[in-house]
PDB file of N, CA and C in Angstrom:
ATOM      1  N   MET A   1     135.205-215.689 185.287  1.00  0.00           N
ATOM      2  CA  MET A   1     134.052-214.833 185.520  1.00  0.00           C
ATOM      3  C   MET A   1     132.927-215.251 184.576  1.00  0.00           C
ATOM      4  N   ASN A   2     131.721-215.204 185.093  1.00  0.00           N
ATOM      5  CA  ASN A   2     130.547-215.501 184.290  1.00  0.00           C
ATOM      6  C   ASN A   2     129.841-214.188 183.938  1.00  0.00           C
ATOM      7  N   PHE A   3     129.102-214.213 182.836  1.00  0.00           N
ATOM      8  CA  PHE A   3     128.309-213.050 182.456  1.00  0.00           C
ATOM      9  C   PHE A   3     126.935-213.151 183.103  1.00  0.00           C
ATOM     10  N   SER A   4     126.385-212.002 183.451  1.00  0.00           N
ATOM     11  CA  SER A   4     125.043-211.958 184.036  1.00  0.00           C
ATOM     12  C   SER A   4     124.008-212.175 182.931  1.00  0.00           C
ATOM     13  N   PRO A   5     122.788-212.561 183.310  1.00  0.00           N
ATOM     14  CA  PRO A   5     121.729-212.700 182.296  1.00  0.00           C
ATOM     15  C   PRO A   5     121.517-211.407 181.488  1.00  0.00           C
ATOM     16  N   TYR A   6     121.634-210.254 182.142  1.00  0.00           N
ATOM     17  CA  TYR A   6     121.501-208.981 181.441  1.00  0.00           C
ATOM     18  C   TYR A   6     122.606-208.823 180.387  1.00  0.00           C
ATOM     19  N   GLN A   7     123.853-209.124 180.777  1.00  0.00           N
ATOM     20  CA  GLN A   7     124.968-209.017 179.828  1.00  0.00           C
ATOM     21  C   GLN A   7     124.797-209.985 178.667  1.00  0.00           C
ATOM     22  N   VAL A   8     124.326-211.183 178.951  1.00  0.00           N
ATOM     23  CA  VAL A   8     124.103-212.172 177.895  1.00  0.00           C
ATOM     24  C   VAL A   8     123.045-211.665 176.916  1.00  0.00           C
ATOM     25  N   ASP A   9     121.971-211.094 177.442  1.00  0.00           N
ATOM     26  CA  ASP A   9     120.943-210.531 176.563  1.00  0.00           C
ATOM     27  C   ASP A   9     121.497-209.396 175.709  1.00  0.00           C
ATOM     28  N   ARG A  10     122.333-208.549 176.288  1.00  0.00           N
ATOM     29  CA  ARG A  10     122.962-207.454 175.524  1.00  0.00           C
ATOM     30  C   ARG A  10     123.847-208.022 174.413  1.00  0.00           C
ATOM     31  N   ILE A  11     124.646-209.030 174.746  1.00  0.00           N
ATOM     32  CA  ILE A  11     125.528-209.648 173.751  1.00  0.00           C
ATOM     33  C   ILE A  11     124.705-210.241 172.613  1.00  0.00           C
ATOM     34  N   LEU A  12     123.678-210.992 172.965  1.00  0.00           N
ATOM     35  CA  LEU A  12     122.834-211.612 171.934  1.00  0.00           C
ATOM     36  C   LEU A  12     122.152-210.565 171.065  1.00  0.00           C
ATOM     37  N   THR A  13     121.671-209.501 171.673  1.00  0.00           N
ATOM     38  CA  THR A  13     121.021-208.438 170.903  1.00  0.00           C
ATOM     39  C   THR A  13     122.028-207.759 169.969  1.00  0.00           C
ATOM     40  N   LEU A  14     123.194-207.431 170.485  1.00  0.00           N
ATOM     41  CA  LEU A  14     124.206-206.762 169.665  1.00  0.00           C
ATOM     42  C   LEU A  14     124.652-207.617 168.485  1.00  0.00           C
ATOM     43  N   LEU A  15     124.704-208.933 168.685  1.00  0.00           N
ATOM     44  CA  LEU A  15     125.151-209.818 167.618  1.00  0.00           C
ATOM     45  C   LEU A  15     124.011-210.275 166.705  1.00  0.00           C
ATOM     46  N   GLY A  16     122.821-209.688 166.900  1.00  0.00           N
ATOM     47  CA  GLY A  16     121.727-209.900 165.966  1.00  0.00           C
ATOM     48  C   GLY A  16     120.788-211.039 166.277  1.00  0.00           C
ATOM     49  N   TYR A  17     120.780-211.518 167.522  1.00  0.00           N
ATOM     50  CA  TYR A  17     119.905-212.621 167.887  1.00  0.00           C
ATOM     51  C   TYR A  17     118.604-212.158 168.531  1.00  0.00           C
ATOM     52  N   GLY A  18     118.330-210.886 168.443  1.00  0.00           N
ATOM     53  CA  GLY A  18     117.106-210.363 169.022  1.00  0.00           C
ATOM     54  C   GLY A  18     116.623-209.159 168.259  1.00  0.00           C
ATOM     55  N   ILE A  19     115.379-208.836 168.501  1.00  0.00           N
ATOM     56  CA  ILE A  19     114.784-207.646 167.911  1.00  0.00           C
ATOM     57  C   ILE A  19     114.320-206.783 169.071  1.00  0.00           C
ATOM     58  N   GLY A  20     114.878-205.596 169.192  1.00  0.00           N
ATOM     59  CA  GLY A  20     114.560-204.773 170.357  1.00  0.00           C
ATOM     60  C   GLY A  20     115.063-205.461 171.604  1.00  0.00           C
ATOM     61  N   ASN A  21     114.169-205.618 172.556  1.00  0.00           N
ATOM     62  CA  ASN A  21     114.545-206.297 173.797  1.00  0.00           C
ATOM     63  C   ASN A  21     114.148-207.764 173.801  1.00  0.00           C
ATOM     64  N   ALA A  22     113.553-208.240 172.716  1.00  0.00           N
ATOM     65  CA  ALA A  22     113.104-209.634 172.647  1.00  0.00           C
ATOM     66  C   ALA A  22     114.184-210.496 171.999  1.00  0.00           C
ATOM     67  N   ILE A  23     114.648-211.479 172.717  1.00  0.00           N
ATOM     68  CA  ILE A  23     115.656-212.403 172.205  1.00  0.00           C
ATOM     69  C   ILE A  23     114.924-213.587 171.582  1.00  0.00           C
ATOM     70  N   GLU A  24     115.393-213.999 170.412  1.00  0.00           N
ATOM     71  CA  GLU A  24     114.790-215.146 169.736  1.00  0.00           C
ATOM     72  C   GLU A  24     114.874-216.377 170.625  1.00  0.00           C
ATOM     73  N   SER A  25     113.899-217.225 170.471  1.00  0.00           N
ATOM     74  CA  SER A  25     113.899-218.473 171.223  1.00  0.00           C
ATOM     75  C   SER A  25     114.011-219.618 170.218  1.00  0.00           C
ATOM     76  N   ASN A  26     115.220-220.109 170.031  1.00  0.00           N
ATOM     77  CA  ASN A  26     115.455-221.266 169.179  1.00  0.00           C
ATOM     78  C   ASN A  26     116.649-222.030 169.732  1.00  0.00           C
ATOM     79  N   ALA A  27     116.948-223.158 169.128  1.00  0.00           N
ATOM     80  CA  ALA A  27     117.994-224.038 169.660  1.00  0.00           C
ATOM     81  C   ALA A  27     119.361-223.357 169.693  1.00  0.00           C
ATOM     82  N   LEU A  28     119.716-222.631 168.630  1.00  0.00           N
ATOM     83  CA  LEU A  28     121.027-221.982 168.583  1.00  0.00           C
ATOM     84  C   LEU A  28     121.144-220.904 169.657  1.00  0.00           C
ATOM     85  N   THR A  29     120.131-220.065 169.767  1.00  0.00           N
ATOM     86  CA  THR A  29     120.162-218.998 170.763  1.00  0.00           C
ATOM     87  C   THR A  29     120.203-219.573 172.174  1.00  0.00           C
ATOM     88  N   THR A  30     119.445-220.620 172.413  1.00  0.00           N
ATOM     89  CA  THR A  30     119.448-221.268 173.729  1.00  0.00           C
ATOM     90  C   THR A  30     120.829-221.843 174.038  1.00  0.00           C
ATOM     91  N   LEU A  31     121.447-222.467 173.055  1.00  0.00           N
ATOM     92  CA  LEU A  31     122.785-223.025 173.239  1.00  0.00           C
ATOM     93  C   LEU A  31     123.795-221.919 173.558  1.00  0.00           C
ATOM     94  N   ILE A  32     123.752-220.833 172.788  1.00  0.00           N
ATOM     95  CA  ILE A  32     124.678-219.717 173.024  1.00  0.00           C
ATOM     96  C   ILE A  32     124.441-219.112 174.401  1.00  0.00           C
ATOM     97  N   ARG A  33     123.162-218.877 174.742  1.00  0.00           N
ATOM     98  CA  ARG A  33     122.818-218.295 176.048  1.00  0.00           C
ATOM     99  C   ARG A  33     123.350-219.168 177.183  1.00  0.00           C
ATOM    100  N   ASN A  34     123.071-220.459 177.125  1.00  0.00           N
ATOM    101  CA  ASN A  34     123.513-221.364 178.184  1.00  0.00           C
ATOM    102  C   ASN A  34     125.031-221.405 178.292  1.00  0.00           C
ATOM    103  N   ASN A  35     125.710-221.371 177.151  1.00  0.00           N
ATOM    104  CA  ASN A  35     127.170-221.370 177.154  1.00  0.00           C
ATOM    105  C   ASN A  35     127.707-220.096 177.803  1.00  0.00           C
ATOM    106  N   LEU A  36     127.138-218.942 177.432  1.00  0.00           N
ATOM    107  CA  LEU A  36     127.602-217.679 178.008  1.00  0.00           C
ATOM    108  C   LEU A  36     127.345-217.613 179.513  1.00  0.00           C
ATOM    109  N   LEU A  37     126.231-218.169 179.946  1.00  0.00           N
ATOM    110  CA  LEU A  37     125.898-218.120 181.370  1.00  0.00           C
ATOM    111  C   LEU A  37     126.723-219.097 182.207  1.00  0.00           C
ATOM    112  N   SER A  38     127.141-220.196 181.620  1.00  0.00           N
ATOM    113  CA  SER A  38     127.808-221.232 182.410  1.00  0.00           C
ATOM    114  C   SER A  38     129.329-221.228 182.290  1.00  0.00           C
ATOM    115  N   GLN A  39     129.854-220.721 181.202  1.00  0.00           N
ATOM    116  CA  GLN A  39     131.303-220.783 181.001  1.00  0.00           C
ATOM    117  C   GLN A  39     132.021-219.779 181.891  1.00  0.00           C
ATOM    118  N   ASP A  40     133.162-220.182 182.402  1.00  0.00           N
ATOM    119  CA  ASP A  40     133.978-219.313 183.243  1.00  0.00           C
ATOM    120  C   ASP A  40     135.040-218.652 182.359  1.00  0.00           C
ATOM    121  N   TYR A  41     134.868-217.361 182.095  1.00  0.00           N
ATOM    122  CA  TYR A  41     135.781-216.617 181.240  1.00  0.00           C
ATOM    123  C   TYR A  41     136.861-215.950 182.079  1.00  0.00           C
ATOM    124  N   SER A  42     138.000-215.709 181.465  1.00  0.00           N
ATOM    125  CA  SER A  42     139.089-215.025 182.161  1.00  0.00           C
ATOM    126  C   SER A  42     138.664-213.592 182.479  1.00  0.00           C
ATOM    127  N   ALA A  43     139.299-213.023 183.478  1.00  0.00           N
ATOM    128  CA  ALA A  43     138.996-211.644 183.871  1.00  0.00           C
ATOM    129  C   ALA A  43     139.296-210.676 182.725  1.00  0.00           C
ATOM    130  N   ALA A  44     140.401-210.907 182.024  1.00  0.00           N
ATOM    131  CA  ALA A  44     140.770-210.015 180.923  1.00  0.00           C
ATOM    132  C   ALA A  44     139.731-210.054 179.802  1.00  0.00           C
ATOM    133  N   LEU A  45     139.278-211.251 179.443  1.00  0.00           N
ATOM    134  CA  LEU A  45     138.265-211.375 178.398  1.00  0.00           C
ATOM    135  C   LEU A  45     136.953-210.728 178.838  1.00  0.00           C
ATOM    136  N   SER A  46     136.537-210.996 180.061  1.00  0.00           N
ATOM    137  CA  SER A  46     135.300-210.412 180.578  1.00  0.00           C
ATOM    138  C   SER A  46     135.364-208.894 180.599  1.00  0.00           C
ATOM    139  N   GLU A  47     136.497-208.360 181.013  1.00  0.00           N
ATOM    140  CA  GLU A  47     136.653-206.905 181.045  1.00  0.00           C
ATOM    141  C   GLU A  47     136.591-206.312 179.648  1.00  0.00           C
ATOM    142  N   ARG A  48     137.195-206.976 178.674  1.00  0.00           N
ATOM    143  CA  ARG A  48     137.166-206.464 177.302  1.00  0.00           C
ATOM    144  C   ARG A  48     135.749-206.515 176.743  1.00  0.00           C
ATOM    145  N   VAL A  49     135.026-207.597 176.987  1.00  0.00           N
ATOM    146  CA  VAL A  49     133.638-207.707 176.536  1.00  0.00           C
ATOM    147  C   VAL A  49     132.799-206.597 177.163  1.00  0.00           C
ATOM    148  N   GLU A  50     132.959-206.380 178.460  1.00  0.00           N
ATOM    149  CA  GLU A  50     132.219-205.315 179.140  1.00  0.00           C
ATOM    150  C   GLU A  50     132.561-203.950 178.569  1.00  0.00           C
ATOM    151  N   GLN A  51     133.828-203.732 178.261  1.00  0.00           N
ATOM    152  CA  GLN A  51     134.247-202.457 177.679  1.00  0.00           C
ATOM    153  C   GLN A  51     133.573-202.237 176.323  1.00  0.00           C
ATOM    154  N   ILE A  52     133.504-203.288 175.527  1.00  0.00           N
ATOM    155  CA  ILE A  52     132.873-203.171 174.206  1.00  0.00           C
ATOM    156  C   ILE A  52     131.382-202.882 174.347  1.00  0.00           C
ATOM    157  N   ILE A  53     130.674-203.675 175.174  1.00  0.00           N
ATOM    158  CA  ILE A  53     129.213-203.545 175.218  1.00  0.00           C
ATOM    159  C   ILE A  53     128.736-202.367 176.064  1.00  0.00           C
ATOM    160  N   ASP A  54     129.526-201.965 177.058  1.00  0.00           N
ATOM    161  CA  ASP A  54     129.081-200.894 177.949  1.00  0.00           C
ATOM    162  C   ASP A  54     129.666-199.522 177.625  1.00  0.00           C
ATOM    163  N   ALA A  55     130.778-199.468 176.899  1.00  0.00           N
ATOM    164  CA  ALA A  55     131.420-198.177 176.639  1.00  0.00           C
ATOM    165  C   ALA A  55     131.622-197.893 175.154  1.00  0.00           C
ATOM    166  N   GLU A  56     132.312-198.781 174.465  1.00  0.00           N
ATOM    167  CA  GLU A  56     132.718-198.457 173.098  1.00  0.00           C
ATOM    168  C   GLU A  56     131.563-198.440 172.103  1.00  0.00           C
ATOM    169  N   LEU A  57     130.713-199.469 172.113  1.00  0.00           N
ATOM    170  CA  LEU A  57     129.570-199.458 171.186  1.00  0.00           C
ATOM    171  C   LEU A  57     128.576-198.345 171.518  1.00  0.00           C
ATOM    172  N   PRO A  58     128.259-198.090 172.790  1.00  0.00           N
ATOM    173  CA  PRO A  58     127.403-196.938 173.077  1.00  0.00           C
ATOM    174  C   PRO A  58     128.020-195.603 172.636  1.00  0.00           C
ATOM    175  N   GLN A  59     129.344-195.502 172.707  1.00  0.00           N
ATOM    176  CA  GLN A  59     130.014-194.283 172.244  1.00  0.00           C
ATOM    177  C   GLN A  59     129.857-194.121 170.732  1.00  0.00           C
ATOM    178  N   VAL A  60     129.981-195.215 169.988  1.00  0.00           N
ATOM    179  CA  VAL A  60     129.774-195.169 168.540  1.00  0.00           C
ATOM    180  C   VAL A  60     128.355-194.698 168.231  1.00  0.00           C
ATOM    181  N   GLU A  61     127.379-195.252 168.949  1.00  0.00           N
ATOM    182  CA  GLU A  61     125.979-194.864 168.738  1.00  0.00           C
ATOM    183  C   GLU A  61     125.761-193.390 169.055  1.00  0.00           C
ATOM    184  N   ALA A  62     126.346-192.904 170.143  1.00  0.00           N
ATOM    185  CA  ALA A  62     126.203-191.493 170.522  1.00  0.00           C
ATOM    186  C   ALA A  62     126.818-190.581 169.469  1.00  0.00           C
ATOM    187  N   GLN A  63     127.978-190.958 168.950  1.00  0.00           N
ATOM    188  CA  GLN A  63     128.633-190.144 167.922  1.00  0.00           C
ATOM    189  C   GLN A  63     127.828-190.139 166.634  1.00  0.00           C
ATOM    190  N   LYS A  64     127.209-191.272 166.300  1.00  0.00           N
ATOM    191  CA  LYS A  64     126.348-191.315 165.114  1.00  0.00           C
ATOM    192  C   LYS A  64     125.167-190.363 165.285  1.00  0.00           C
ATOM    193  N   MET A  65     124.577-190.346 166.467  1.00  0.00           N
ATOM    194  CA  MET A  65     123.450-189.457 166.725  1.00  0.00           C
ATOM    195  C   MET A  65     123.874-187.991 166.637  1.00  0.00           C
ATOM    196  N   GLU A  66     125.069-187.673 167.140  1.00  0.00           N
ATOM    197  CA  GLU A  66     125.570-186.299 167.054  1.00  0.00           C
ATOM    198  C   GLU A  66     125.722-185.871 165.597  1.00  0.00           C
ATOM    199  N   ILE A  67     126.277-186.745 164.778  1.00  0.00           N
ATOM    200  CA  ILE A  67     126.441-186.421 163.356  1.00  0.00           C
ATOM    201  C   ILE A  67     125.079-186.215 162.705  1.00  0.00           C
ATOM    202  N   LEU A  68     124.147-187.095 162.996  1.00  0.00           N
ATOM    203  CA  LEU A  68     122.814-186.971 162.398  1.00  0.00           C
ATOM    204  C   LEU A  68     122.108-185.705 162.871  1.00  0.00           C
ATOM    205  N   ASP A  69     122.300-185.317 164.143  1.00  0.00           N
ATOM    206  CA  ASP A  69     121.706-184.077 164.645  1.00  0.00           C
ATOM    207  C   ASP A  69     122.279-182.865 163.932  1.00  0.00           C
ATOM    208  N   VAL A  70     123.596-182.834 163.743  1.00  0.00           N
ATOM    209  CA  VAL A  70     124.236-181.714 163.045  1.00  0.00           C
ATOM    210  C   VAL A  70     123.743-181.641 161.603  1.00  0.00           C
ATOM    211  N   ILE A  71     123.647-182.772 160.962  1.00  0.00           N
ATOM    212  CA  ILE A  71     123.173-182.807 159.575  1.00  0.00           C
ATOM    213  C   ILE A  71     121.741-182.304 159.488  1.00  0.00           C
ATOM    214  N   TYR A  72     120.917-182.701 160.447  1.00  0.00           N
ATOM    215  CA  TYR A  72     119.528-182.259 160.439  1.00  0.00           C
ATOM    216  C   TYR A  72     119.448-180.739 160.605  1.00  0.00           C
ATOM    217  N   VAL A  73     120.213-180.186 161.554  1.00  0.00           N
ATOM    218  CA  VAL A  73     120.203-178.736 161.781  1.00  0.00           C
ATOM    219  C   VAL A  73     120.698-178.012 160.544  1.00  0.00           C
ATOM    220  N   GLN A  74     121.776-178.501 159.959  1.00  0.00           N
ATOM    221  CA  GLN A  74     122.329-177.855 158.768  1.00  0.00           C
ATOM    222  C   GLN A  74     121.359-177.935 157.594  1.00  0.00           C
ATOM    223  N   SER A  75     120.689-179.063 157.447  1.00  0.00           N
ATOM    224  CA  SER A  75     119.774-179.213 156.311  1.00  0.00           C
ATOM    225  C   SER A  75     118.560-178.309 156.458  1.00  0.00           C
ATOM    226  N   THR A  76     118.144-178.018 157.690  1.00  0.00           N
ATOM    227  CA  THR A  76     117.011-177.106 157.872  1.00  0.00           C
ATOM    228  C   THR A  76     117.407-175.678 157.562  1.00  0.00           C
ATOM    229  N   LYS A  77     118.697-175.402 157.568  1.00  0.00           N
ATOM    230  CA  LYS A  77     119.191-174.060 157.213  1.00  0.00           C
ATOM    231  C   LYS A  77     119.550-173.968 155.735  1.00  0.00           C
ATOM    232  N   GLY A  78     119.290-175.026 155.000  1.00  0.00           N
ATOM    233  CA  GLY A  78     119.552-175.014 153.567  1.00  0.00           C
ATOM    234  C   GLY A  78     120.965-175.381 153.168  1.00  0.00           C
ATOM    235  N   VAL A  79     121.774-175.787 154.115  1.00  0.00           N
ATOM    236  CA  VAL A  79     123.145-176.190 153.815  1.00  0.00           C
ATOM    237  C   VAL A  79     123.142-177.686 153.525  1.00  0.00           C
ATOM    238  N   GLN A  80     123.759-178.064 152.426  1.00  0.00           N
ATOM    239  CA  GLN A  80     123.815-179.478 152.067  1.00  0.00           C
ATOM    240  C   GLN A  80     125.116-180.087 152.572  1.00  0.00           C
ATOM    241  N   LEU A  81     125.001-181.115 153.388  1.00  0.00           N
ATOM    242  CA  LEU A  81     126.169-181.824 153.902  1.00  0.00           C
ATOM    243  C   LEU A  81     126.125-183.271 153.447  1.00  0.00           C
ATOM    244  N   THR A  82     127.287-183.857 153.331  1.00  0.00           N
ATOM    245  CA  THR A  82     127.370-185.265 152.992  1.00  0.00           C
ATOM    246  C   THR A  82     127.812-186.011 154.240  1.00  0.00           C
ATOM    247  N   PRO A  83     126.872-186.710 154.873  1.00  0.00           N
ATOM    248  CA  PRO A  83     127.208-187.407 156.118  1.00  0.00           C
ATOM    249  C   PRO A  83     127.935-188.719 155.908  1.00  0.00           C
ATOM    250  N   ALA A  84     128.043-189.149 154.681  1.00  0.00           N
ATOM    251  CA  ALA A  84     128.534-190.500 154.401  1.00  0.00           C
ATOM    252  C   ALA A  84     129.903-190.783 155.012  1.00  0.00           C
ATOM    253  N   SER A  85     130.837-189.852 154.922  1.00  0.00           N
ATOM    254  CA  SER A  85     132.194-190.150 155.397  1.00  0.00           C
ATOM    255  C   SER A  85     132.242-190.340 156.908  1.00  0.00           C
ATOM    256  N   GLY A  86     131.620-189.446 157.673  1.00  0.00           N
ATOM    257  CA  GLY A  86     131.627-189.586 159.128  1.00  0.00           C
ATOM    258  C   GLY A  86     130.868-190.802 159.594  1.00  0.00           C
ATOM    259  N   LEU A  87     129.707-191.033 158.997  1.00  0.00           N
ATOM    260  CA  LEU A  87     128.917-192.195 159.373  1.00  0.00           C
ATOM    261  C   LEU A  87     129.593-193.490 158.943  1.00  0.00           C
ATOM    262  N   ALA A  88     130.244-193.465 157.788  1.00  0.00           N
ATOM    263  CA  ALA A  88     130.941-194.664 157.321  1.00  0.00           C
ATOM    264  C   ALA A  88     132.059-195.058 158.282  1.00  0.00           C
ATOM    265  N   LEU A  89     132.796-194.079 158.774  1.00  0.00           N
ATOM    266  CA  LEU A  89     133.874-194.381 159.729  1.00  0.00           C
ATOM    267  C   LEU A  89     133.311-194.965 161.026  1.00  0.00           C
ATOM    268  N   LEU A  90     132.210-194.397 161.504  1.00  0.00           N
ATOM    269  CA  LEU A  90     131.600-194.916 162.724  1.00  0.00           C
ATOM    270  C   LEU A  90     131.020-196.310 162.499  1.00  0.00           C
ATOM    271  N   ASN A  91     130.431-196.537 161.335  1.00  0.00           N
ATOM    272  CA  ASN A  91     129.909-197.869 161.023  1.00  0.00           C
ATOM    273  C   ASN A  91     131.034-198.895 160.926  1.00  0.00           C
ATOM    274  N   GLN A  92     132.170-198.489 160.367  1.00  0.00           N
ATOM    275  CA  GLN A  92     133.327-199.393 160.308  1.00  0.00           C
ATOM    276  C   GLN A  92     133.808-199.726 161.718  1.00  0.00           C
ATOM    277  N   ARG A  93     133.844-198.720 162.580  1.00  0.00           N
ATOM    278  CA  ARG A  93     134.276-198.931 163.968  1.00  0.00           C
ATOM    279  C   ARG A  93     133.301-199.864 164.689  1.00  0.00           C
ATOM    280  N   GLY A  94     132.011-199.593 164.535  1.00  0.00           N
ATOM    281  CA  GLY A  94     131.007-200.445 165.162  1.00  0.00           C
ATOM    282  C   GLY A  94     131.083-201.876 164.668  1.00  0.00           C
ATOM    283  N   SER A  95     131.265-202.035 163.363  1.00  0.00           N
ATOM    284  CA  SER A  95     131.365-203.365 162.778  1.00  0.00           C
ATOM    285  C   SER A  95     132.594-204.105 163.295  1.00  0.00           C
ATOM    286  N   SER A  96     133.710-203.407 163.393  1.00  0.00           N
ATOM    287  CA  SER A  96     134.922-204.069 163.893  1.00  0.00           C
ATOM    288  C   SER A  96     134.769-204.448 165.368  1.00  0.00           C
ATOM    289  N   LEU A  97     134.053-203.637 166.143  1.00  0.00           N
ATOM    290  CA  LEU A  97     133.817-203.990 167.540  1.00  0.00           C
ATOM    291  C   LEU A  97     132.914-205.218 167.658  1.00  0.00           C
ATOM    292  N   LEU A  98     131.880-205.301 166.813  1.00  0.00           N
ATOM    293  CA  LEU A  98     131.017-206.487 166.825  1.00  0.00           C
ATOM    294  C   LEU A  98     131.802-207.734 166.437  1.00  0.00           C
ATOM    295  N   LYS A  99     132.675-207.609 165.442  1.00  0.00           N
ATOM    296  CA  LYS A  99     133.489-208.750 165.027  1.00  0.00           C
ATOM    297  C   LYS A  99     134.444-209.174 166.144  1.00  0.00           C
ATOM    298  N   GLU A 100     135.003-208.186 166.847  1.00  0.00           N
ATOM    299  CA  GLU A 100     135.886-208.515 167.973  1.00  0.00           C
ATOM    300  C   GLU A 100     135.099-209.219 169.070  1.00  0.00           C
ATOM    301  N   LEU A 101     133.914-208.701 169.391  1.00  0.00           N
ATOM    302  CA  LEU A 101     133.054-209.306 170.406  1.00  0.00           C
ATOM    303  C   LEU A 101     132.717-210.749 170.038  1.00  0.00           C
ATOM    304  N   ALA A 102     132.310-210.953 168.794  1.00  0.00           N
ATOM    305  CA  ALA A 102     131.976-212.302 168.321  1.00  0.00           C
ATOM    306  C   ALA A 102     133.191-213.221 168.388  1.00  0.00           C
ATOM    307  N   GLY A 103     134.347-212.711 168.015  1.00  0.00           N
ATOM    308  CA  GLY A 103     135.561-213.513 168.058  1.00  0.00           C
ATOM    309  C   GLY A 103     135.988-213.872 169.472  1.00  0.00           C
ATOM    310  N   LEU A 104     135.878-212.916 170.377  1.00  0.00           N
ATOM    311  CA  LEU A 104     136.242-213.183 171.770  1.00  0.00           C
ATOM    312  C   LEU A 104     135.390-214.289 172.377  1.00  0.00           C
ATOM    313  N   LEU A 105     134.101-214.292 172.010  1.00  0.00           N
ATOM    314  CA  LEU A 105     133.165-215.242 172.607  1.00  0.00           C
ATOM    315  C   LEU A 105     132.893-216.448 171.723  1.00  0.00           C
ATOM    316  N   ASP A 106     133.493-216.469 170.544  1.00  0.00           N
ATOM    317  CA  ASP A 106     133.319-217.554 169.586  1.00  0.00           C
ATOM    318  C   ASP A 106     131.831-217.763 169.245  1.00  0.00           C
ATOM    319  N   ILE A 107     131.180-216.649 168.909  1.00  0.00           N
ATOM    320  CA  ILE A 107     129.764-216.657 168.536  1.00  0.00           C
ATOM    321  C   ILE A 107     129.650-216.027 167.151  1.00  0.00           C
ATOM    322  N   PRO A 108     128.927-216.663 166.238  1.00  0.00           N
ATOM    323  CA  PRO A 108     128.751-216.046 164.922  1.00  0.00           C
ATOM    324  C   PRO A 108     127.847-214.816 165.008  1.00  0.00           C
ATOM    325  N   ILE A 109     128.152-213.824 164.188  1.00  0.00           N
ATOM    326  CA  ILE A 109     127.300-212.642 164.093  1.00  0.00           C
ATOM    327  C   ILE A 109     126.118-213.002 163.212  1.00  0.00           C
ATOM    328  N   ARG A 110     124.937-212.865 163.741  1.00  0.00           N
ATOM    329  CA  ARG A 110     123.732-213.171 162.967  1.00  0.00           C
ATOM    330  C   ARG A 110     123.348-211.991 162.094  1.00  0.00           C
ATOM    331  N   SER A 111     123.469-210.787 162.631  1.00  0.00           N
ATOM    332  CA  SER A 111     123.142-209.574 161.890  1.00  0.00           C
ATOM    333  C   SER A 111     124.006-208.443 162.420  1.00  0.00           C
ATOM    334  N   ASN A 112     124.629-207.715 161.501  1.00  0.00           N
ATOM    335  CA  ASN A 112     125.527-206.622 161.864  1.00  0.00           C
ATOM    336  C   ASN A 112     124.868-205.314 161.455  1.00  0.00           C
ATOM    337  N   LYS A 113     124.333-204.586 162.418  1.00  0.00           N
ATOM    338  CA  LYS A 113     123.612-203.354 162.111  1.00  0.00           C
ATOM    339  C   LYS A 113     124.519-202.254 161.582  1.00  0.00           C
ATOM    340  N   TYR A 114     125.812-202.447 161.645  1.00  0.00           N
ATOM    341  CA  TYR A 114     126.748-201.447 161.152  1.00  0.00           C
ATOM    342  C   TYR A 114     127.128-201.667 159.693  1.00  0.00           C
ATOM    343  N   GLN A 115     126.663-202.754 159.105  1.00  0.00           N
ATOM    344  CA  GLN A 115     126.891-203.006 157.685  1.00  0.00           C
ATOM    345  C   GLN A 115     125.642-202.609 156.920  1.00  0.00           C
ATOM    346  N   ALA A 116     125.821-202.153 155.701  1.00  0.00           N
ATOM    347  CA  ALA A 116     124.679-201.793 154.867  1.00  0.00           C
ATOM    348  C   ALA A 116     123.742-202.986 154.759  1.00  0.00           C
ATOM    349  N   GLY A 117     122.484-202.766 155.042  1.00  0.00           N
ATOM    350  CA  GLY A 117     121.502-203.843 154.963  1.00  0.00           C
ATOM    351  C   GLY A 117     121.509-204.766 156.164  1.00  0.00           C
ATOM    352  N   GLY A 118     122.293-204.438 157.202  1.00  0.00           N
ATOM    353  CA  GLY A 118     122.331-205.285 158.396  1.00  0.00           C
ATOM    354  C   GLY A 118     122.887-206.655 158.120  1.00  0.00           C
ATOM    355  N   GLY A 119     123.835-206.739 157.198  1.00  0.00           N
ATOM    356  CA  GLY A 119     124.378-208.012 156.744  1.00  0.00           C
ATOM    357  C   GLY A 119     124.880-208.896 157.850  1.00  0.00           C
ATOM    358  N   SER A 120     124.915-210.160 157.549  1.00  0.00           N
ATOM    359  CA  SER A 120     125.435-211.126 158.506  1.00  0.00           C
ATOM    360  C   SER A 120     126.848-211.501 158.112  1.00  0.00           C
ATOM    361  N   ASN A 121     127.469-212.285 158.924  1.00  0.00           N
ATOM    362  CA  ASN A 121     128.831-212.723 158.661  1.00  0.00           C
ATOM    363  C   ASN A 121     128.901-213.766 157.555  1.00  0.00           C
ATOM    364  N   SER A 122     127.791-214.431 157.302  1.00  0.00           N
ATOM    365  CA  SER A 122     127.817-215.500 156.311  1.00  0.00           C
ATOM    366  C   SER A 122     127.702-214.936 154.913  1.00  0.00           C
ATOM    367  N   SER A 123     128.249-215.649 153.972  1.00  0.00           N
ATOM    368  CA  SER A 123     128.159-215.206 152.589  1.00  0.00           C
ATOM    369  C   SER A 123     127.299-216.182 151.802  1.00  0.00           C
ATOM    370  N   THR A 124     126.663-215.662 150.794  1.00  0.00           N
ATOM    371  CA  THR A 124     125.809-216.478 149.935  1.00  0.00           C
ATOM    372  C   THR A 124     126.436-216.521 148.551  1.00  0.00           C
ATOM    373  N   ILE A 125     126.528-217.694 147.993  1.00  0.00           N
ATOM    374  CA  ILE A 125     127.082-217.849 146.653  1.00  0.00           C
ATOM    375  C   ILE A 125     125.920-218.031 145.701  1.00  0.00           C
ATOM    376  N   SER A 126     125.917-217.226 144.657  1.00  0.00           N
ATOM    377  CA  SER A 126     124.860-217.321 143.662  1.00  0.00           C
ATOM    378  C   SER A 126     125.493-217.687 142.326  1.00  0.00           C
ATOM    379  N   TYR A 127     124.948-218.691 141.672  1.00  0.00           N
ATOM    380  CA  TYR A 127     125.480-219.114 140.401  1.00  0.00           C
ATOM    381  C   TYR A 127     124.676-218.567 139.232  1.00  0.00           C
ATOM    382  N   TRP A 128     123.657-217.781 139.479  1.00  0.00           N
ATOM    383  CA  TRP A 128     122.804-217.255 138.419  1.00  0.00           C
ATOM    384  C   TRP A 128     123.046-215.804 138.192  1.00  0.00           C
TER     385      TRP A 128
END
């Protein structure tokens, strides 16, 4: 099974190769896009990718919004809540789903919005 251009754009955006709906135009992104559009993936892999991008990651986002809405309502009533634990669990789930998606498709994560600072998969070594 091949991915549609829409699915490819969603994958690239989720893995940090775009800002909003605009996908970067460079050699790496073009190579990844062409590979995703032309490669014939197994039905099981395609179904899992679709499940991640169409159901599981949107569910994580919806749950994050619910937590933030509750916190906002509570804070307007003067109740202090610590959202860190619930949001941290959802961010961990989102991050693990992005890593699974990247692993299934053999694409590096450029930016992970579920990590503090939107970190990427690459590490930087500093000697200073």
